[in-house]
Amino acid sequence: MNRIDQLFQTKKKNILSIYFPAGYPHLNDTNSTLELLQKKGVDLVEIGIPFSDPLADGPVIQTAAKRALDNGMSLKLLFQQLENARGNIAMPLILMGYWNTVYKYGVDHFLADCRKSGVDGVILPDLPVEEYEEDYKAKFELAGIYNILLVTPQTTRERLMQIEKSAKGFLYMVSSLATTGGILHYDSKREEYFKKVSQLDIPSLIGFGIHNKESFQHASRFANGAIIGTAFIKALQAGNSEKFLNGLR
């Protein structure tokens, strides 16, 4: 069974997912960061594949991605790091990046290396659902790698039904159309969107704008948990990542 399914079967609420870019702040920090996250009880980890033009990301993640690339991080090296780390890491691992990186690497090669290194799923925001279903779904399923799909406040009910049929693992519920790193503000329309998605027959996590214990707990009222990215990257940069994680529970 995929580790993502195992997680959501054993834990229904307050699932904490942390995002950080591979190779940040230093090239060989990926595995030590994973070990810290596991030690602090993080449930799920999203590892960013550094990309030179991350359109959905705010300035903090863009700067971190550039530094990781300058450090020499590559997809090939990331797979090597994860293969070395996997024996000590029990958490589900998800790679998050852009389709162009995967396509250049070679889809079959990418999926084979995901499987070899113990990756459980991927998030590819710029891969349309229709293209995935028509051209790549069979390959992903054969490899046992979940393609985690995103929904936004602008996703129509009809589109939501289509995504639900194709989704594996959980839905990434984008809180707003702003780039990452903002503060999540609640209103009746946004809460209605969260409730609509949470009624689907698949788990969901809320991302974008979750930055501390209070915002994590509030978001978890409307989903199975939430994702923290920018705030954790700031903590990594400041050298107080352990203190930050201690304050989330």
C-alpha atoms as a PDB file:
ATOM      1  CA  MET A   1       0.000   0.000   0.000  1.00  0.00           C
ATOM      2  CA  ASN A   2       1.194   3.516  -0.804  1.00  0.00           C
ATOM      3  CA  ARG A   3       2.468   5.299   2.311  1.00  0.00           C
ATOM      4  CA  ILE A   4       0.131   8.220   1.594  1.00  0.00           C
ATOM      5  CA  ASP A   5      -2.887   5.914   1.866  1.00  0.00           C
ATOM      6  CA  GLN A   6      -1.463   4.368   5.030  1.00  0.00           C
ATOM      7  CA  LEU A   7      -1.154   7.820   6.588  1.00  0.00           C
ATOM      8  CA  PHE A   8      -4.707   8.900   5.832  1.00  0.00           C
ATOM      9  CA  GLN A   9      -6.108   5.564   6.981  1.00  0.00           C
ATOM     10  CA  THR A  10      -4.411   5.818  10.365  1.00  0.00           C
ATOM     11  CA  LYS A  11      -4.772   9.568  10.936  1.00  0.00           C
ATOM     12  CA  LYS A  12      -7.835  11.569   9.963  1.00  0.00           C
ATOM     13  CA  LYS A  13      -7.183  15.068  11.345  1.00  0.00           C
ATOM     14  CA  ASN A  14      -4.393  17.557  12.029  1.00  0.00           C
ATOM     15  CA  ILE A  15      -2.056  16.034   9.458  1.00  0.00           C
ATOM     16  CA  LEU A  16       0.981  18.268   9.219  1.00  0.00           C
ATOM     17  CA  SER A  17       2.777  18.478   5.893  1.00  0.00           C
ATOM     18  CA  ILE A  18       5.962  20.496   5.489  1.00  0.00           C
ATOM     19  CA  TYR A  19       7.395  21.761   2.196  1.00  0.00           C
ATOM     20  CA  PHE A  20      11.027  22.659   1.612  1.00  0.00           C
ATOM     21  CA  PRO A  21      13.249  22.849  -1.491  1.00  0.00           C
ATOM     22  CA  ALA A  22      15.847  20.125  -1.962  1.00  0.00           C
ATOM     23  CA  GLY A  23      19.409  21.322  -1.454  1.00  0.00           C
ATOM     24  CA  TYR A  24      18.481  24.291   0.732  1.00  0.00           C
ATOM     25  CA  PRO A  25      20.020  26.109   2.453  1.00  0.00           C
ATOM     26  CA  HIS A  26      23.039  23.918   1.614  1.00  0.00           C
ATOM     27  CA  LEU A  27      23.371  21.240  -1.045  1.00  0.00           C
ATOM     28  CA  ASN A  28      23.605  18.313   1.369  1.00  0.00           C
ATOM     29  CA  ASP A  29      20.956  19.534   3.835  1.00  0.00           C
ATOM     30  CA  THR A  30      18.090  17.590   2.240  1.00  0.00           C
ATOM     31  CA  ASN A  31      18.497  14.444   4.313  1.00  0.00           C
ATOM     32  CA  SER A  32      19.257  16.153   7.628  1.00  0.00           C
ATOM     33  CA  THR A  33      16.106  18.236   7.160  1.00  0.00           C
ATOM     34  CA  LEU A  34      14.089  15.075   6.525  1.00  0.00           C
ATOM     35  CA  GLU A  35      15.503  13.519   9.694  1.00  0.00           C
ATOM     36  CA  LEU A  36      14.569  16.617  11.703  1.00  0.00           C
ATOM     37  CA  LEU A  37      11.027  16.637  10.301  1.00  0.00           C
ATOM     38  CA  GLN A  38      10.542  12.984  11.199  1.00  0.00           C
ATOM     39  CA  LYS A  39      11.973  13.529  14.691  1.00  0.00           C
ATOM     40  CA  LYS A  40       9.480  16.362  15.265  1.00  0.00           C
ATOM     41  CA  GLY A  41       6.474  14.284  14.248  1.00  0.00           C
ATOM     42  CA  VAL A  42       5.730  15.754  10.835  1.00  0.00           C
ATOM     43  CA  ASP A  43       3.315  13.454   9.004  1.00  0.00           C
ATOM     44  CA  LEU A  44       4.099  14.126   5.346  1.00  0.00           C
ATOM     45  CA  VAL A  45       6.884  15.919   3.484  1.00  0.00           C
ATOM     46  CA  GLU A  46       6.793  17.736   0.156  1.00  0.00           C
ATOM     47  CA  ILE A  47      10.250  18.220  -1.315  1.00  0.00           C
ATOM     48  CA  GLY A  48      10.568  20.950  -3.897  1.00  0.00           C
ATOM     49  CA  ILE A  49      12.431  20.219  -7.103  1.00  0.00           C
ATOM     50  CA  PRO A  50      14.268  23.519  -7.667  1.00  0.00           C
ATOM     51  CA  PHE A  51      13.191  25.237 -10.877  1.00  0.00           C
ATOM     52  CA  SER A  52      14.444  28.465 -12.406  1.00  0.00           C
ATOM     53  CA  ASP A  53      10.986  29.995 -12.989  1.00  0.00           C
ATOM     54  CA  PRO A  54       8.520  28.768 -10.322  1.00  0.00           C
ATOM     55  CA  LEU A  55       5.421  30.733 -11.341  1.00  0.00           C
ATOM     56  CA  ALA A  56       3.158  29.717  -8.439  1.00  0.00           C
ATOM     57  CA  ASP A  57       5.696  30.576  -5.781  1.00  0.00           C
ATOM     58  CA  GLY A  58       6.242  33.762  -3.847  1.00  0.00           C
ATOM     59  CA  PRO A  59       9.600  35.497  -3.368  1.00  0.00           C
ATOM     60  CA  VAL A  60      10.767  33.382  -0.407  1.00  0.00           C
ATOM     61  CA  ILE A  61      10.421  30.079  -2.256  1.00  0.00           C
ATOM     62  CA  GLN A  62      11.763  31.588  -5.488  1.00  0.00           C
ATOM     63  CA  THR A  63      14.875  32.818  -3.682  1.00  0.00           C
ATOM     64  CA  ALA A  64      15.333  29.459  -1.950  1.00  0.00           C
ATOM     65  CA  ALA A  65      14.956  27.601  -5.250  1.00  0.00           C
ATOM     66  CA  LYS A  66      17.567  29.838  -6.887  1.00  0.00           C
ATOM     67  CA  ARG A  67      19.980  29.223  -4.036  1.00  0.00           C
ATOM     68  CA  ALA A  68      19.429  25.461  -4.280  1.00  0.00           C
ATOM     69  CA  LEU A  69      20.174  25.581  -8.008  1.00  0.00           C
ATOM     70  CA  ASP A  70      23.260  27.711  -7.367  1.00  0.00           C
ATOM     71  CA  ASN A  71      24.324  25.108  -4.795  1.00  0.00           C
ATOM     72  CA  GLY A  72      24.284  22.514  -7.572  1.00  0.00           C
ATOM     73  CA  MET A  73      21.008  20.756  -6.818  1.00  0.00           C
ATOM     74  CA  SER A  74      19.579  18.664  -9.656  1.00  0.00           C
ATOM     75  CA  LEU A  75      16.845  16.081  -9.982  1.00  0.00           C
ATOM     76  CA  LYS A  76      19.417  13.329 -10.436  1.00  0.00           C
ATOM     77  CA  LEU A  77      21.220  14.329  -7.240  1.00  0.00           C
ATOM     78  CA  LEU A  78      17.923  14.595  -5.357  1.00  0.00           C
ATOM     79  CA  PHE A  79      17.050  11.010  -6.235  1.00  0.00           C
ATOM     80  CA  GLN A  80      20.476   9.910  -4.985  1.00  0.00           C
ATOM     81  CA  GLN A  81      19.945  11.779  -1.715  1.00  0.00           C
ATOM     82  CA  LEU A  82      16.493  10.269  -1.193  1.00  0.00           C
ATOM     83  CA  GLU A  83      17.679   6.754  -1.975  1.00  0.00           C
ATOM     84  CA  ASN A  84      20.326   7.151   0.733  1.00  0.00           C
ATOM     85  CA  ALA A  85      17.825   8.609   3.213  1.00  0.00           C
ATOM     86  CA  ARG A  86      14.854   6.308   2.678  1.00  0.00           C
ATOM     87  CA  GLY A  87      16.010   3.542   4.999  1.00  0.00           C
ATOM     88  CA  ASN A  88      15.753   5.936   7.956  1.00  0.00           C
ATOM     89  CA  ILE A  89      12.655   7.857   6.861  1.00  0.00           C
ATOM     90  CA  ALA A  90       9.176   6.371   7.335  1.00  0.00           C
ATOM     91  CA  MET A  91       7.118   9.429   6.334  1.00  0.00           C
ATOM     92  CA  PRO A  92       5.447   9.621   2.919  1.00  0.00           C
ATOM     93  CA  LEU A  93       7.586  11.683   0.555  1.00  0.00           C
ATOM     94  CA  ILE A  94       6.172  13.780  -2.260  1.00  0.00           C
ATOM     95  CA  LEU A  95       8.148  15.639  -4.906  1.00  0.00           C
ATOM     96  CA  MET A  96       6.725  18.993  -5.941  1.00  0.00           C
ATOM     97  CA  GLY A  97       7.879  20.688  -9.105  1.00  0.00           C
ATOM     98  CA  TYR A  98       7.071  21.700 -12.640  1.00  0.00           C
ATOM     99  CA  TRP A  99       6.249  19.459 -15.556  1.00  0.00           C
ATOM    100  CA  ASN A 100       9.046  20.790 -17.762  1.00  0.00           C
ATOM    101  CA  THR A 101      11.643  19.383 -15.351  1.00  0.00           C
ATOM    102  CA  VAL A 102      10.014  15.947 -15.403  1.00  0.00           C
ATOM    103  CA  TYR A 103       9.544  15.981 -19.176  1.00  0.00           C
ATOM    104  CA  LYS A 104      13.199  16.892 -19.784  1.00  0.00           C
ATOM    105  CA  TYR A 105      14.341  14.171 -17.401  1.00  0.00           C
ATOM    106  CA  GLY A 106      12.137  11.653 -19.219  1.00  0.00           C
ATOM    107  CA  VAL A 107       8.806  10.549 -17.749  1.00  0.00           C
ATOM    108  CA  ASP A 108       9.654   6.835 -17.635  1.00  0.00           C
ATOM    109  CA  HIS A 109      13.085   7.573 -16.162  1.00  0.00           C
ATOM    110  CA  PHE A 110      11.529   9.933 -13.615  1.00  0.00           C
ATOM    111  CA  LEU A 111       8.930   7.411 -12.455  1.00  0.00           C
ATOM    112  CA  ALA A 112      11.507   4.626 -12.234  1.00  0.00           C
ATOM    113  CA  ASP A 113      13.762   6.808 -10.086  1.00  0.00           C
ATOM    114  CA  CYS A 114      10.805   7.862  -7.915  1.00  0.00           C
ATOM    115  CA  ARG A 115      10.075   4.225  -7.224  1.00  0.00           C
ATOM    116  CA  LYS A 116      13.734   3.352  -6.647  1.00  0.00           C
ATOM    117  CA  SER A 117      14.269   6.200  -4.179  1.00  0.00           C
ATOM    118  CA  GLY A 118      11.057   5.657  -2.211  1.00  0.00           C
ATOM    119  CA  VAL A 119       9.021   8.611  -3.453  1.00  0.00           C
ATOM    120  CA  ASP A 120       5.287   8.094  -2.910  1.00  0.00           C
ATOM    121  CA  GLY A 121       3.769  10.864  -4.984  1.00  0.00           C
ATOM    122  CA  VAL A 122       4.331  14.018  -6.995  1.00  0.00           C
ATOM    123  CA  ILE A 123       2.653  17.393  -7.278  1.00  0.00           C
ATOM    124  CA  LEU A 124       2.927  18.962 -10.736  1.00  0.00           C
ATOM    125  CA  PRO A 125       0.746  22.099 -10.759  1.00  0.00           C
ATOM    126  CA  ASP A 126       1.225  22.814 -14.472  1.00  0.00           C
ATOM    127  CA  LEU A 127       0.313  19.331 -15.765  1.00  0.00           C
ATOM    128  CA  PRO A 128      -3.357  19.538 -16.876  1.00  0.00           C
ATOM    129  CA  VAL A 129      -5.615  16.756 -15.612  1.00  0.00           C
ATOM    130  CA  GLU A 130      -6.743  15.920 -19.150  1.00  0.00           C
ATOM    131  CA  GLU A 131      -3.177  15.527 -20.404  1.00  0.00           C
ATOM    132  CA  TYR A 132      -2.288  13.435 -17.365  1.00  0.00           C
ATOM    133  CA  GLU A 133      -5.261  11.111 -17.838  1.00  0.00           C
ATOM    134  CA  GLU A 134      -4.738  10.685 -21.564  1.00  0.00           C
ATOM    135  CA  ASP A 135      -0.957  10.370 -21.757  1.00  0.00           C
ATOM    136  CA  TYR A 136       0.534   9.541 -18.366  1.00  0.00           C
ATOM    137  CA  LYS A 137      -1.960   8.090 -15.891  1.00  0.00           C
ATOM    138  CA  ALA A 138      -1.258   4.481 -16.866  1.00  0.00           C
ATOM    139  CA  LYS A 139       2.492   5.041 -16.430  1.00  0.00           C
ATOM    140  CA  PHE A 140       2.052   6.585 -12.979  1.00  0.00           C
ATOM    141  CA  GLU A 141      -0.260   3.802 -11.830  1.00  0.00           C
ATOM    142  CA  LEU A 142       2.095   1.109 -13.099  1.00  0.00           C
ATOM    143  CA  ALA A 143       4.929   2.707 -11.116  1.00  0.00           C
ATOM    144  CA  GLY A 144       2.730   3.106  -8.028  1.00  0.00           C
ATOM    145  CA  ILE A 145       3.411   6.852  -7.894  1.00  0.00           C
ATOM    146  CA  TYR A 146       0.484   9.113  -6.985  1.00  0.00           C
ATOM    147  CA  ASN A 147      -0.118  12.306  -8.943  1.00  0.00           C
ATOM    148  CA  ILE A 148      -1.546  14.639  -6.302  1.00  0.00           C
ATOM    149  CA  LEU A 149      -4.036  17.018  -7.895  1.00  0.00           C
ATOM    150  CA  LEU A 150      -4.783  20.614  -6.950  1.00  0.00           C
ATOM    151  CA  VAL A 151      -8.092  22.438  -6.600  1.00  0.00           C
ATOM    152  CA  THR A 152      -8.632  26.179  -6.151  1.00  0.00           C
ATOM    153  CA  PRO A 153     -11.525  28.441  -5.115  1.00  0.00           C
ATOM    154  CA  GLN A 154     -12.227  28.892  -8.841  1.00  0.00           C
ATOM    155  CA  THR A 155     -12.592  25.154  -9.542  1.00  0.00           C
ATOM    156  CA  THR A 156     -16.162  24.528 -10.706  1.00  0.00           C
ATOM    157  CA  ARG A 157     -18.292  21.749  -9.241  1.00  0.00           C
ATOM    158  CA  GLU A 158     -18.184  19.869 -12.554  1.00  0.00           C
ATOM    159  CA  ARG A 159     -14.403  20.146 -12.672  1.00  0.00           C
ATOM    160  CA  LEU A 160     -14.216  19.063  -9.047  1.00  0.00           C
ATOM    161  CA  MET A 161     -16.126  15.896  -9.859  1.00  0.00           C
ATOM    162  CA  GLN A 162     -13.707  15.135 -12.704  1.00  0.00           C
ATOM    163  CA  ILE A 163     -10.685  15.723 -10.475  1.00  0.00           C
ATOM    164  CA  GLU A 164     -12.150  13.562  -7.712  1.00  0.00           C
ATOM    165  CA  LYS A 165     -12.448  10.617 -10.117  1.00  0.00           C
ATOM    166  CA  SER A 166      -8.813  10.912 -11.178  1.00  0.00           C
ATOM    167  CA  ALA A 167      -7.297  11.850  -7.811  1.00  0.00           C
ATOM    168  CA  LYS A 168      -5.069   9.597  -5.730  1.00  0.00           C
ATOM    169  CA  GLY A 169      -3.929  10.018  -2.139  1.00  0.00           C
ATOM    170  CA  PHE A 170      -5.388  13.423  -1.308  1.00  0.00           C
ATOM    171  CA  LEU A 171      -6.374  16.735  -2.852  1.00  0.00           C
ATOM    172  CA  TYR A 172      -4.130  19.757  -2.439  1.00  0.00           C
ATOM    173  CA  MET A 173      -6.631  22.485  -1.605  1.00  0.00           C
ATOM    174  CA  VAL A 174      -5.076  25.799  -2.674  1.00  0.00           C
ATOM    175  CA  SER A 175      -6.490  28.424  -0.323  1.00  0.00           C
ATOM    176  CA  SER A 176      -6.286  31.296  -2.810  1.00  0.00           C
ATOM    177  CA  LEU A 177      -4.988  32.228  -6.255  1.00  0.00           C
ATOM    178  CA  ALA A 178      -2.199  34.346  -4.775  1.00  0.00           C
ATOM    179  CA  THR A 179       1.358  33.046  -4.849  1.00  0.00           C
ATOM    180  CA  THR A 180       2.749  31.182  -1.866  1.00  0.00           C
ATOM    181  CA  GLY A 181       3.844  33.030   1.245  1.00  0.00           C
ATOM    182  CA  GLY A 182       0.820  35.199   1.980  1.00  0.00           C
ATOM    183  CA  ILE A 183      -1.441  35.104   5.030  1.00  0.00           C
ATOM    184  CA  LEU A 184      -4.657  33.102   4.782  1.00  0.00           C
ATOM    185  CA  HIS A 185      -7.736  35.217   5.526  1.00  0.00           C
ATOM    186  CA  TYR A 186     -11.085  33.545   6.098  1.00  0.00           C
ATOM    187  CA  ASP A 187     -14.471  34.671   4.861  1.00  0.00           C
ATOM    188  CA  SER A 188     -17.759  32.894   4.227  1.00  0.00           C
ATOM    189  CA  LYS A 189     -16.970  32.269   0.562  1.00  0.00           C
ATOM    190  CA  ARG A 190     -13.595  30.690   1.314  1.00  0.00           C
ATOM    191  CA  GLU A 191     -15.030  28.546   4.102  1.00  0.00           C
ATOM    192  CA  GLU A 192     -17.806  27.407   1.768  1.00  0.00           C
ATOM    193  CA  TYR A 193     -15.130  26.320  -0.726  1.00  0.00           C
ATOM    194  CA  PHE A 194     -13.232  24.407   1.956  1.00  0.00           C
ATOM    195  CA  LYS A 195     -16.403  22.647   3.107  1.00  0.00           C
ATOM    196  CA  LYS A 196     -17.348  21.737  -0.471  1.00  0.00           C
ATOM    197  CA  VAL A 197     -14.005  20.045  -1.073  1.00  0.00           C
ATOM    198  CA  SER A 198     -13.940  18.331   2.325  1.00  0.00           C
ATOM    199  CA  GLN A 199     -17.243  16.618   1.484  1.00  0.00           C
ATOM    200  CA  LEU A 200     -15.616  14.719  -1.385  1.00  0.00           C
ATOM    201  CA  ASP A 201     -14.702  11.076  -0.970  1.00  0.00           C
ATOM    202  CA  ILE A 202     -10.967  11.761  -0.772  1.00  0.00           C
ATOM    203  CA  PRO A 203      -8.809  13.390   1.932  1.00  0.00           C
ATOM    204  CA  SER A 204      -7.620  16.966   1.502  1.00  0.00           C
ATOM    205  CA  LEU A 205      -4.898  19.258   2.827  1.00  0.00           C
ATOM    206  CA  ILE A 206      -4.999  23.058   2.698  1.00  0.00           C
ATOM    207  CA  GLY A 207      -1.953  24.913   1.404  1.00  0.00           C
ATOM    208  CA  PHE A 208      -0.891  28.550   0.829  1.00  0.00           C
ATOM    209  CA  GLY A 209      -0.976  30.943   3.786  1.00  0.00           C
ATOM    210  CA  ILE A 210      -0.485  28.482   6.658  1.00  0.00           C
ATOM    211  CA  HIS A 211       2.358  29.842   8.761  1.00  0.00           C
ATOM    212  CA  ASN A 212       2.015  28.994  12.476  1.00  0.00           C
ATOM    213  CA  LYS A 213       0.194  26.831  15.036  1.00  0.00           C
ATOM    214  CA  GLU A 214      -2.967  28.935  15.000  1.00  0.00           C
ATOM    215  CA  SER A 215      -3.340  29.023  11.217  1.00  0.00           C
ATOM    216  CA  PHE A 216      -2.549  25.296  11.033  1.00  0.00           C
ATOM    217  CA  GLN A 217      -5.200  24.417  13.611  1.00  0.00           C
ATOM    218  CA  HIS A 218      -7.778  26.674  11.979  1.00  0.00           C
ATOM    219  CA  ALA A 219      -7.171  25.229   8.515  1.00  0.00           C
ATOM    220  CA  SER A 220      -7.386  21.712   9.929  1.00  0.00           C
ATOM    221  CA  ARG A 221     -11.002  22.408  10.897  1.00  0.00           C
ATOM    222  CA  PHE A 222     -11.880  22.367   7.198  1.00  0.00           C
ATOM    223  CA  ALA A 223      -9.606  19.564   5.950  1.00  0.00           C
ATOM    224  CA  ASN A 224      -7.575  16.595   7.134  1.00  0.00           C
ATOM    225  CA  GLY A 225      -4.665  18.911   7.788  1.00  0.00           C
ATOM    226  CA  ALA A 226      -2.550  21.617   6.225  1.00  0.00           C
ATOM    227  CA  ILE A 227       0.741  22.331   4.465  1.00  0.00           C
ATOM    228  CA  ILE A 228       3.374  24.793   5.654  1.00  0.00           C
ATOM    229  CA  GLY A 229       6.068  25.912   3.240  1.00  0.00           C
ATOM    230  CA  THR A 230       7.229  29.518   3.213  1.00  0.00           C
ATOM    231  CA  ALA A 231       7.277  29.906   7.000  1.00  0.00           C
ATOM    232  CA  PHE A 232       9.412  26.779   7.387  1.00  0.00           C
ATOM    233  CA  ILE A 233      11.830  27.951   4.688  1.00  0.00           C
ATOM    234  CA  LYS A 234      12.229  31.238   6.577  1.00  0.00           C
ATOM    235  CA  ALA A 235      13.020  29.201   9.694  1.00  0.00           C
ATOM    236  CA  LEU A 236      15.600  27.157   7.780  1.00  0.00           C
ATOM    237  CA  GLN A 237      17.180  30.358   6.534  1.00  0.00           C
ATOM    238  CA  ALA A 238      17.285  31.806  10.053  1.00  0.00           C
ATOM    239  CA  GLY A 239      18.697  28.619  11.546  1.00  0.00           C
ATOM    240  CA  ASN A 240      15.768  28.051  13.922  1.00  0.00           C
ATOM    241  CA  SER A 241      13.856  25.302  12.120  1.00  0.00           C
ATOM    242  CA  GLU A 242      13.703  23.051  15.195  1.00  0.00           C
ATOM    243  CA  LYS A 243      12.226  25.836  17.326  1.00  0.00           C
ATOM    244  CA  PHE A 244       9.694  26.584  14.586  1.00  0.00           C
ATOM    245  CA  LEU A 245       8.570  22.951  14.414  1.00  0.00           C
ATOM    246  CA  ASN A 246       8.300  22.758  18.209  1.00  0.00           C
ATOM    247  CA  GLY A 247       5.818  25.631  18.075  1.00  0.00           C
ATOM    248  CA  LEU A 248       3.437  23.953  15.635  1.00  0.00           C
ATOM    249  CA  ARG A 249       1.984  21.276  17.925  1.00  0.00           C
END
